[in-house]
Protein backbone atom coordinates (compact mmCIF):
# COMPACT_ATOMS: atom_id res chain seq x y z
CA MET A 1 18.65 11.52 -15.50
CA PRO A 2 15.46 13.04 -16.98
CA GLU A 3 12.11 11.88 -15.59
CA GLY A 4 10.74 8.85 -17.42
CA ASP A 5 14.18 8.05 -18.86
CA ALA A 6 15.31 4.69 -17.54
CA ARG A 7 18.72 4.22 -19.11
CA GLU A 8 19.15 0.85 -20.83
CA THR A 9 22.49 -0.87 -20.22
CA SER A 10 24.08 -4.05 -21.48
CA GLY A 11 22.26 -7.28 -20.81
CA ASP A 12 24.79 -8.37 -18.20
CA GLY A 13 23.88 -5.37 -16.04
CA GLY A 14 27.46 -4.15 -16.13
CA VAL A 15 27.39 -0.82 -14.26
CA ALA A 16 29.89 0.70 -11.86
CA THR A 17 28.98 -0.28 -8.29
CA ALA A 18 30.17 3.04 -6.87
CA ARG A 19 27.37 4.94 -8.58
CA GLU A 20 24.13 5.77 -6.80
CA THR A 21 22.03 3.71 -9.19
CA LEU A 22 19.79 0.66 -9.25
CA SER A 23 20.10 -1.90 -12.04
CA VAL A 24 16.80 -3.54 -13.00
CA THR A 25 16.47 -6.42 -15.43
CA ASP A 26 13.15 -6.80 -17.23
CA ASN A 27 12.77 -10.55 -17.64
CA ARG A 28 10.06 -9.99 -20.26
CA THR A 29 12.60 -8.56 -22.66
CA GLY A 30 15.96 -9.41 -21.14
CA LYS A 31 16.90 -5.73 -21.07
CA THR A 32 18.60 -4.13 -18.05
CA TYR A 33 17.97 -0.55 -16.97
CA GLU A 34 19.90 1.79 -14.73
CA LEU A 35 17.77 3.93 -12.39
CA GLU A 36 19.18 6.81 -10.39
CA VAL A 37 18.92 6.51 -6.61
CA SER A 38 18.56 9.77 -4.68
CA ASN A 39 17.86 10.02 -0.92
CA GLY A 40 17.02 6.34 -0.83
CA THR A 41 14.40 6.64 -3.58
CA ILE A 42 13.97 6.16 -7.29
CA ARG A 43 11.65 8.39 -9.29
CA ALA A 44 8.49 6.52 -10.16
CA MET A 45 8.46 8.25 -13.55
CA ASP A 46 11.77 6.59 -14.37
CA LEU A 47 9.91 3.29 -14.46
CA ARG A 48 7.96 4.54 -17.46
CA GLY A 49 11.02 4.01 -19.61
CA ILE A 50 10.83 0.25 -18.99
CA LYS A 51 8.69 -1.03 -21.86
CA VAL A 52 7.99 -4.21 -23.76
CA ASP A 53 7.79 -2.22 -27.01
CA GLU A 54 7.51 1.39 -28.13
CA ASP A 55 3.69 1.37 -27.90
CA ASP A 56 3.78 0.17 -24.29
CA PHE A 57 2.75 2.77 -21.67
CA GLY A 58 5.66 1.72 -19.44
CA LEU A 59 5.79 0.37 -15.90
CA MET A 60 3.95 1.95 -12.99
CA SER A 61 4.33 1.24 -9.28
CA PHE A 62 1.28 -0.06 -7.38
CA ASP A 63 1.15 1.23 -3.81
CA PRO A 64 -2.31 1.36 -2.16
CA ALA A 65 -2.38 3.95 0.66
CA PHE A 66 1.11 5.18 -0.37
CA THR A 67 2.75 3.00 2.28
CA ASN A 68 6.10 3.07 0.48
CA THR A 69 5.82 6.09 -1.79
CA ALA A 70 7.36 9.50 -1.07
CA ALA A 71 5.05 12.13 -2.59
CA CYS A 72 7.25 15.09 -1.70
CA THR A 73 10.47 16.25 -0.10
CA SER A 74 10.12 18.10 3.19
CA GLU A 75 12.28 19.83 5.78
CA ILE A 76 9.61 20.06 8.47
CA THR A 77 9.28 16.82 10.45
CA TYR A 78 11.67 13.90 10.80
CA ILE A 79 10.54 10.52 12.16
CA ASP A 80 12.66 7.44 12.82
CA GLY A 81 10.02 4.88 13.71
CA GLU A 82 12.51 2.14 14.58
CA ALA A 83 14.35 4.32 17.10
CA GLY A 84 11.27 6.19 18.37
CA VAL A 85 12.56 9.62 17.27
CA LEU A 86 10.43 12.66 16.38
CA GLU A 87 11.97 16.01 15.44
CA TYR A 88 10.55 19.30 14.20
CA ARG A 89 13.05 21.13 11.98
CA GLY A 90 15.81 19.08 13.64
CA TYR A 91 14.79 19.81 17.25
CA SER A 92 13.79 16.80 19.36
CA ILE A 93 10.20 16.68 20.55
CA GLU A 94 11.51 16.20 24.08
CA ASP A 95 13.49 19.46 24.03
CA LEU A 96 10.60 21.39 22.53
CA CYS A 97 8.11 20.12 25.11
CA ASP A 98 10.51 20.92 27.95
CA ASN A 99 11.41 24.42 26.81
CA ALA A 100 8.98 25.89 24.27
CA THR A 101 5.40 27.07 24.05
CA TYR A 102 3.06 25.85 21.35
CA LEU A 103 3.14 29.21 19.52
CA GLU A 104 6.93 29.13 19.58
CA VAL A 105 6.82 25.68 17.95
CA ALA A 106 4.22 26.89 15.43
CA TYR A 107 6.64 29.67 14.44
CA LEU A 108 9.42 27.10 14.08
CA LEU A 109 7.33 24.85 11.86
CA ILE A 110 6.24 27.67 9.58
CA ASN A 111 9.43 29.74 9.42
CA GLY A 112 12.09 27.06 9.75
CA GLU A 113 13.95 28.56 12.74
CA LEU A 114 13.21 29.25 16.38
CA PRO A 115 12.18 32.88 16.85
CA THR A 116 14.20 35.55 18.60
CA ARG A 117 12.48 37.34 21.50
CA ASP A 118 11.33 40.17 19.23
CA GLU A 119 10.12 37.75 16.56
CA LEU A 120 8.19 35.68 19.08
CA ASP A 121 6.60 38.77 20.65
CA GLN A 122 5.48 39.97 17.21
CA TRP A 123 4.19 36.50 16.30
CA VAL A 124 2.21 36.13 19.53
CA HIS A 125 0.83 39.66 19.06
CA GLU A 126 -0.37 38.82 15.55
CA ILE A 127 -1.97 35.53 16.60
CA THR A 128 -3.62 37.11 19.64
CA HIS A 129 -5.16 39.97 17.66
CA HIS A 130 -6.63 37.69 15.00
CA THR A 131 -8.49 35.33 17.32
CA TYR A 132 -11.84 37.05 16.71
CA VAL A 133 -14.02 35.84 13.85
CA HIS A 134 -16.53 37.84 11.82
CA GLU A 135 -19.97 37.99 13.44
CA ASN A 136 -21.40 36.27 10.40
CA VAL A 137 -19.23 33.26 11.18
CA LYS A 138 -20.95 33.08 14.55
CA LYS A 139 -24.32 33.13 12.78
CA PHE A 140 -23.05 30.41 10.46
CA VAL A 141 -22.25 28.17 13.44
CA GLU A 142 -25.63 28.99 14.99
CA GLY A 143 -27.25 27.47 11.90
CA PHE A 144 -26.13 23.96 12.82
CA ARG A 145 -28.48 21.62 14.69
CA HIS A 146 -27.97 21.42 18.44
CA ASP A 147 -26.73 17.84 18.11
CA ALA A 148 -24.37 18.46 15.18
CA HIS A 149 -20.96 16.81 15.55
CA PRO A 150 -18.39 19.46 16.50
CA MET A 151 -15.97 18.21 13.83
CA GLY A 152 -18.68 18.72 11.22
CA MET A 153 -19.17 22.26 12.51
CA LEU A 154 -15.42 22.87 12.46
CA LEU A 155 -15.15 21.50 8.93
CA GLY A 156 -17.90 23.80 7.68
CA SER A 157 -16.68 26.92 9.47
CA VAL A 158 -13.04 26.51 8.40
CA GLY A 159 -14.13 26.08 4.79
CA ALA A 160 -16.36 29.15 5.13
CA LEU A 161 -13.36 31.30 6.07
CA SER A 162 -12.31 31.23 2.41
CA THR A 163 -15.39 33.36 1.62
CA PHE A 164 -14.47 35.92 4.27
CA TYR A 165 -10.90 36.28 2.97
CA PRO A 166 -11.25 36.03 -0.84
CA ASP A 167 -7.78 37.52 -1.43
CA ALA A 168 -6.29 34.36 0.09
CA LYS A 169 -6.68 32.77 -3.34
CA HIS A 170 -3.64 34.80 -4.42
CA ILE A 171 -1.27 32.17 -3.11
CA GLY A 172 1.69 33.75 -4.90
CA ASP A 173 1.42 36.80 -2.65
CA GLU A 174 3.77 36.35 0.33
CA GLU A 175 1.75 38.70 2.56
CA GLU A 176 -1.49 36.85 1.81
CA ARG A 177 0.18 33.55 2.67
CA HIS A 178 1.46 34.97 5.94
CA MET A 179 -1.92 36.38 6.91
CA ALA A 180 -3.64 33.09 6.11
CA ALA A 181 -1.19 31.28 8.39
CA VAL A 182 -1.81 33.75 11.20
CA ARG A 183 -5.58 33.71 10.81
CA LEU A 184 -5.87 29.94 10.69
CA ILE A 185 -3.76 29.38 13.80
CA ALA A 186 -5.51 32.25 15.62
CA LYS A 187 -9.09 31.38 14.73
CA MET A 188 -9.08 27.59 15.00
CA PRO A 189 -9.44 27.61 18.84
CA THR A 190 -12.27 30.16 18.54
CA LEU A 191 -14.15 28.01 16.02
CA ALA A 192 -13.54 24.91 18.14
CA ALA A 193 -14.86 26.60 21.29
CA PHE A 194 -17.91 27.91 19.42
CA ALA A 195 -18.70 24.35 18.26
CA TYR A 196 -18.41 23.08 21.83
CA ARG A 197 -20.63 25.80 23.31
CA HIS A 198 -23.18 25.41 20.50
CA GLN A 199 -23.52 21.73 21.29
CA LEU A 200 -24.29 22.56 24.92
CA GLY A 201 -26.67 25.39 24.08
CA LEU A 202 -24.44 27.89 25.85
CA PRO A 203 -23.70 31.44 24.65
CA TYR A 204 -20.41 31.82 22.80
CA VAL A 205 -17.53 33.39 24.68
CA TYR A 206 -15.39 35.89 22.80
CA PRO A 207 -11.59 35.70 22.95
CA ASP A 208 -9.76 37.34 25.85
CA ASN A 209 -6.61 38.86 24.40
CA ASP A 210 -5.04 39.28 27.84
CA LEU A 211 -4.72 35.50 28.21
CA SER A 212 -2.20 33.10 26.72
CA TYR A 213 -3.09 31.04 23.65
CA PRO A 214 -4.12 27.94 25.68
CA GLY A 215 -5.55 30.09 28.49
CA ASN A 216 -7.75 31.94 26.03
CA PHE A 217 -9.04 28.65 24.65
CA LEU A 218 -9.93 27.41 28.15
CA SER A 219 -11.75 30.70 28.75
CA MET A 220 -13.79 30.41 25.55
CA MET A 221 -14.70 26.84 26.49
CA TYR A 222 -15.49 27.10 30.19
CA LYS A 223 -16.24 30.71 31.16
CA MET A 224 -19.67 31.03 32.76
CA THR A 225 -20.87 33.90 34.98
CA GLU A 226 -17.51 35.05 36.33
CA VAL A 227 -16.31 38.48 35.24
CA ARG A 228 -13.07 36.98 34.00
CA TYR A 229 -11.97 33.39 33.63
CA GLU A 230 -8.66 32.61 35.34
CA PRO A 231 -7.15 29.43 33.84
CA ASP A 232 -5.07 27.15 36.03
CA PRO A 233 -1.42 27.45 34.90
CA ARG A 234 -1.02 23.67 35.09
CA LEU A 235 -3.85 23.18 32.61
CA GLU A 236 -2.40 25.87 30.33
CA ARG A 237 0.96 24.13 30.34
CA ALA A 238 -0.57 20.70 29.79
CA LEU A 239 -2.42 21.98 26.73
CA ASP A 240 0.73 23.67 25.46
CA VAL A 241 2.63 20.38 25.66
CA LEU A 242 -0.23 18.37 24.18
CA TRP A 243 -0.49 20.79 21.27
CA ILE A 244 3.27 20.69 20.65
CA LEU A 245 3.04 16.90 20.42
CA HIS A 246 0.20 17.09 17.91
CA ALA A 247 1.49 20.01 15.82
CA ASP A 248 2.81 17.92 12.93
CA HIS A 249 3.53 14.31 12.11
CA GLU A 250 4.98 14.13 8.62
CA GLN A 251 2.83 12.91 5.68
CA ASN A 252 -0.15 11.45 7.52
CA CYS A 253 -3.66 11.16 6.07
CA SER A 254 -4.79 14.72 6.85
CA THR A 255 -1.50 16.34 5.82
CA ASN A 256 -1.59 14.40 2.58
CA ALA A 257 -5.14 15.72 2.08
CA VAL A 258 -3.99 19.31 2.63
CA ARG A 259 -1.15 18.90 0.15
CA GLY A 260 -3.31 17.04 -2.36
CA VAL A 261 -6.11 19.60 -2.35
CA GLY A 262 -3.63 22.46 -2.09
CA SER A 263 -1.84 21.24 -5.22
CA SER A 264 -4.81 22.52 -7.22
CA GLN A 265 -3.72 26.02 -6.06
CA VAL A 266 -6.93 26.52 -4.08
CA ASP A 267 -6.89 28.99 -1.17
CA PRO A 268 -5.31 27.75 2.08
CA TYR A 269 -8.58 27.79 4.05
CA SER A 270 -10.09 25.28 1.65
CA ALA A 271 -6.93 23.16 1.75
CA VAL A 272 -6.95 23.10 5.56
CA ALA A 273 -10.67 22.25 5.52
CA ALA A 274 -9.64 19.13 3.59
CA GLY A 275 -7.27 18.31 6.44
CA VAL A 276 -10.10 18.71 8.95
CA ALA A 277 -12.25 16.37 6.85
CA ALA A 278 -9.52 13.71 6.79
CA LEU A 279 -8.94 14.07 10.54
CA TYR A 280 -12.68 13.58 11.10
CA GLY A 281 -12.34 9.89 10.20
CA PRO A 282 -12.14 7.42 13.11
CA LEU A 283 -8.97 5.79 11.75
CA HIS A 284 -7.11 9.10 12.02
CA GLY A 285 -8.38 11.55 14.64
CA GLY A 286 -10.59 9.22 16.64
CA ALA A 287 -7.97 6.84 18.00
CA ASN A 288 -7.82 8.39 21.50
CA GLU A 289 -11.58 8.00 21.88
CA ALA A 290 -11.26 4.32 21.00
CA ALA A 291 -8.51 3.90 23.60
CA LEU A 292 -10.65 5.53 26.28
CA LYS A 293 -13.63 3.32 25.46
CA MET A 294 -11.33 0.30 25.75
CA LEU A 295 -10.28 1.36 29.25
CA GLU A 296 -13.95 1.76 30.14
CA ARG A 297 -14.70 -1.73 28.90
CA ILE A 298 -11.83 -3.23 30.92
CA GLY A 299 -13.35 -1.62 33.99
CA THR A 300 -10.83 -2.59 36.70
CA VAL A 301 -7.16 -3.51 37.00
CA GLU A 302 -8.19 -7.05 37.92
CA ASN A 303 -9.74 -7.54 34.47
CA ILE A 304 -6.53 -6.70 32.58
CA PRO A 305 -5.10 -10.26 32.34
CA ASP A 306 -8.33 -11.61 30.84
CA PHE A 307 -8.50 -8.66 28.45
CA LEU A 308 -4.93 -9.24 27.21
CA GLU A 309 -5.70 -12.92 26.68
CA GLY A 310 -8.70 -11.81 24.63
CA VAL A 311 -6.39 -9.66 22.52
CA LYS A 312 -4.08 -12.60 21.88
CA ASN A 313 -7.07 -14.72 20.85
CA ARG A 314 -8.25 -11.93 18.53
CA GLU A 315 -11.40 -11.48 20.61
CA GLU A 316 -10.42 -7.96 21.73
CA LYS A 317 -8.54 -5.04 20.20
CA LEU A 318 -5.71 -3.30 22.02
CA MET A 319 -6.35 0.35 21.21
CA GLY A 320 -3.69 3.04 21.66
CA PHE A 321 -0.87 0.57 21.04
CA GLY A 322 1.17 0.25 17.88
CA HIS A 323 1.59 2.74 15.06
CA ARG A 324 2.16 2.47 11.32
CA VAL A 325 5.30 4.62 11.67
CA TYR A 326 6.64 3.79 15.15
CA LYS A 327 8.05 0.32 15.79
CA ASN A 328 9.26 1.50 19.17
CA TYR A 329 7.74 3.45 22.06
CA ASP A 330 6.05 6.54 20.60
CA PRO A 331 8.15 9.42 22.04
CA ARG A 332 4.99 11.51 22.38
CA ALA A 333 3.43 8.90 24.68
CA ARG A 334 6.27 9.19 27.21
CA ILE A 335 5.83 12.94 27.43
CA ILE A 336 2.05 13.00 27.58
CA LYS A 337 1.95 10.41 30.34
CA LYS A 338 3.58 12.93 32.71
CA ASN A 339 1.04 15.59 31.78
CA VAL A 340 -1.91 13.33 32.53
CA GLU A 341 -0.85 13.18 36.16
CA GLU A 342 -0.54 16.98 36.38
CA VAL A 343 -3.97 17.53 34.86
CA LEU A 344 -5.54 15.08 37.27
CA GLU A 345 -3.97 17.00 40.16
CA VAL A 346 -6.18 19.91 39.10
CA MET A 347 -9.29 18.12 37.89
CA GLY A 348 -9.39 15.15 40.27
CA THR A 349 -8.45 11.48 40.02
CA ASN A 350 -9.53 9.22 37.20
CA PRO A 351 -9.60 5.45 37.80
CA LYS A 352 -8.89 4.90 34.11
CA LEU A 353 -5.33 6.19 34.62
CA GLU A 354 -4.58 3.34 37.03
CA ILE A 355 -5.95 0.88 34.47
CA ALA A 356 -3.93 2.49 31.67
CA VAL A 357 -0.65 2.40 33.61
CA GLU A 358 -1.12 -1.23 34.63
CA LEU A 359 -2.23 -2.24 31.13
CA GLU A 360 0.88 -0.64 29.67
CA LYS A 361 3.13 -2.38 32.19
CA ARG A 362 1.65 -5.81 31.60
CA ALA A 363 1.64 -5.45 27.83
CA LEU A 364 5.27 -4.32 27.73
CA ASP A 365 6.30 -7.25 29.94
CA ASP A 366 4.53 -9.73 27.65
CA ASP A 367 6.61 -11.32 24.88
CA TYR A 368 3.54 -11.51 22.62
CA PHE A 369 3.25 -7.72 22.40
CA HIS A 370 7.00 -7.08 22.57
CA GLU A 371 7.69 -9.35 19.57
CA ARG A 372 5.00 -7.54 17.58
CA LYS A 373 6.47 -4.16 18.55
CA LEU A 374 3.19 -2.99 20.07
CA TYR A 375 4.08 -0.02 22.25
CA PRO A 376 1.80 2.76 23.57
CA ASN A 377 1.25 5.66 21.19
CA VAL A 378 0.19 9.25 21.86
CA ASP A 379 -3.52 8.37 21.69
CA PHE A 380 -3.27 5.96 24.62
CA TYR A 381 -2.99 8.80 27.16
CA SER A 382 -4.29 11.93 25.40
CA GLY A 383 -7.92 10.91 25.82
CA LEU A 384 -7.44 10.87 29.60
CA ILE A 385 -6.48 14.55 29.51
CA TYR A 386 -9.48 15.45 27.37
CA GLU A 387 -11.81 13.50 29.63
CA ALA A 388 -10.32 15.19 32.71
CA LEU A 389 -11.15 18.54 31.10
CA GLY A 390 -14.78 17.46 30.97
CA LEU A 391 -14.90 17.13 27.20
CA PRO A 392 -17.35 14.79 25.48
CA TYR A 393 -15.83 12.16 23.23
CA ASP A 394 -16.86 13.92 20.03
CA MET A 395 -14.71 16.94 20.99
CA PHE A 396 -11.51 14.88 21.16
CA THR A 397 -10.76 15.14 17.44
CA VAL A 398 -11.46 18.88 17.51
CA MET A 399 -8.75 19.19 20.17
CA PHE A 400 -6.43 17.39 17.75
CA ALA A 401 -7.28 19.78 14.90
CA ILE A 402 -6.34 22.93 16.83
CA PRO A 403 -2.59 22.23 17.04
CA ARG A 404 -2.38 20.26 13.80
CA THR A 405 -3.38 23.47 12.01
CA SER A 406 0.16 24.82 12.37
CA GLY A 407 1.55 21.66 10.78
CA TRP A 408 -0.99 21.77 7.95
CA VAL A 409 -0.14 25.41 7.27
CA ALA A 410 3.61 24.72 7.35
CA GLN A 411 3.19 21.81 4.94
CA TRP A 412 0.98 23.90 2.64
CA LEU A 413 3.50 26.74 2.59
CA GLU A 414 6.32 24.32 1.81
CA MET A 415 4.28 22.74 -1.00
CA VAL A 416 3.47 26.12 -2.56
CA GLY A 417 7.17 26.99 -2.69
CA ASP A 418 8.33 23.60 -3.99
CA GLU A 419 9.27 23.66 -7.69
CA ASP A 420 8.42 19.94 -7.91
CA THR A 421 4.79 20.55 -6.94
CA LYS A 422 2.27 19.52 -9.56
CA ILE A 423 -1.46 19.00 -9.23
CA ALA A 424 -1.99 15.64 -7.54
CA ARG A 425 -3.12 13.04 -10.07
CA PRO A 426 -2.45 9.44 -9.00
CA ARG A 427 -2.61 6.68 -11.59
CA GLN A 428 -4.80 3.61 -11.32
CA VAL A 429 -4.63 0.00 -12.41
CA TYR A 430 -7.83 -0.54 -14.39
CA THR A 431 -9.38 -3.97 -13.72
CA GLY A 432 -12.87 -3.48 -15.20
CA GLU A 433 -14.55 -4.66 -18.40
CA ARG A 434 -13.40 -3.50 -21.85
CA GLU A 435 -15.03 -2.93 -25.28
CA ARG A 436 -18.53 -4.01 -24.34
CA ASP A 437 -21.42 -3.72 -26.79
CA TRP A 438 -24.37 -1.48 -26.01
CA VAL A 439 -27.45 -3.36 -24.69
CA PRO A 440 -30.91 -1.84 -25.34
CA MET A 441 -33.09 -1.31 -22.28
CA ASP A 442 -35.57 -4.11 -23.09
CA GLN A 443 -32.73 -6.64 -23.44
CA ARG A 444 -30.99 -6.00 -20.13
CA ALA A 445 -31.18 -8.73 -17.52
């Protein structure tokens, strides 16, 4: 059925039940329309054919925040929130965290298949040899105030990359798209580390191409006077797993921003900068910080019962529990919980972990939270890892942006190649004044 062409049927709605269609009766006119159902959706444009008369614009759907609107088709990430399932390209998040590295998963997201040994070696080689940024980028970062928020610095420096690679605007060129993907994944940890060191007033550390992707990041963050930084393998692995968990998560706020801005056919650096900007917001990238502050406020295990009562009485907020998508235990939370313990083996104990574990246990045993399907999400434990690494709270979202870059790039690439892609232009429902008369200045109240 063509877009915008709701097919009118007889008034009794007589259509064959075996067809994948939806019959809609407009009680304003008594007419019944047959809308095609595909993949559990109807096309919103098909509603336009439902009119009171020929001059009518036609029906629109009203969906603030797109909570029940599919803006695209995608083959990248599958989520079943009721069952607590997360898959990248059909592979379970559990299998990927057990067996893959982050760069292997980044390859999977972008290329659609797991790499062979030769493909992975080439991919890692490309990423490794594009970790350096132009010296002028370093000067750009140096221009920020000493107390600038690292996400603000990351936002500015990612956007600035578009001026260093002007040919990236040729998004129809397959090689340019590939190089943009490589550069973004390679340089994001470097820009993140520069922002961290700038905030501390420390000299920037250049990439060490002999280290792994997470090991190199740890070196750029923490290297001081030693000739060479030797990362602890347990920390490298913990970061690898954490970054796999955060690599993509379907059409969230920042991914929607990347696709929306990218639909204008702007260069990928600018599109990804839009994703960074969206992630900057506390309702998206700042959730783990809020969970950590909650654990601080609870203070001790003994205070947990009173805190949970406060939550029930709407006097407190239970941060790190519940998710718009997951109505079950977030599969990422189960995995990350194990990694917290390994990181603390290296970095030392953290009393907040004991509080977190006990809080989770008590909440899951409480019918109040169980009935409301409030289960721990990935943010409940990820902040504990970041804190164990000695990171200030304002670096937490930057740590989120590093792995999410591969998901943003994969989603951008998919959007560019999708024949259904059009420049994003949502409709609105106008509720303001109409046809007002002009009022001269001296007559205005």
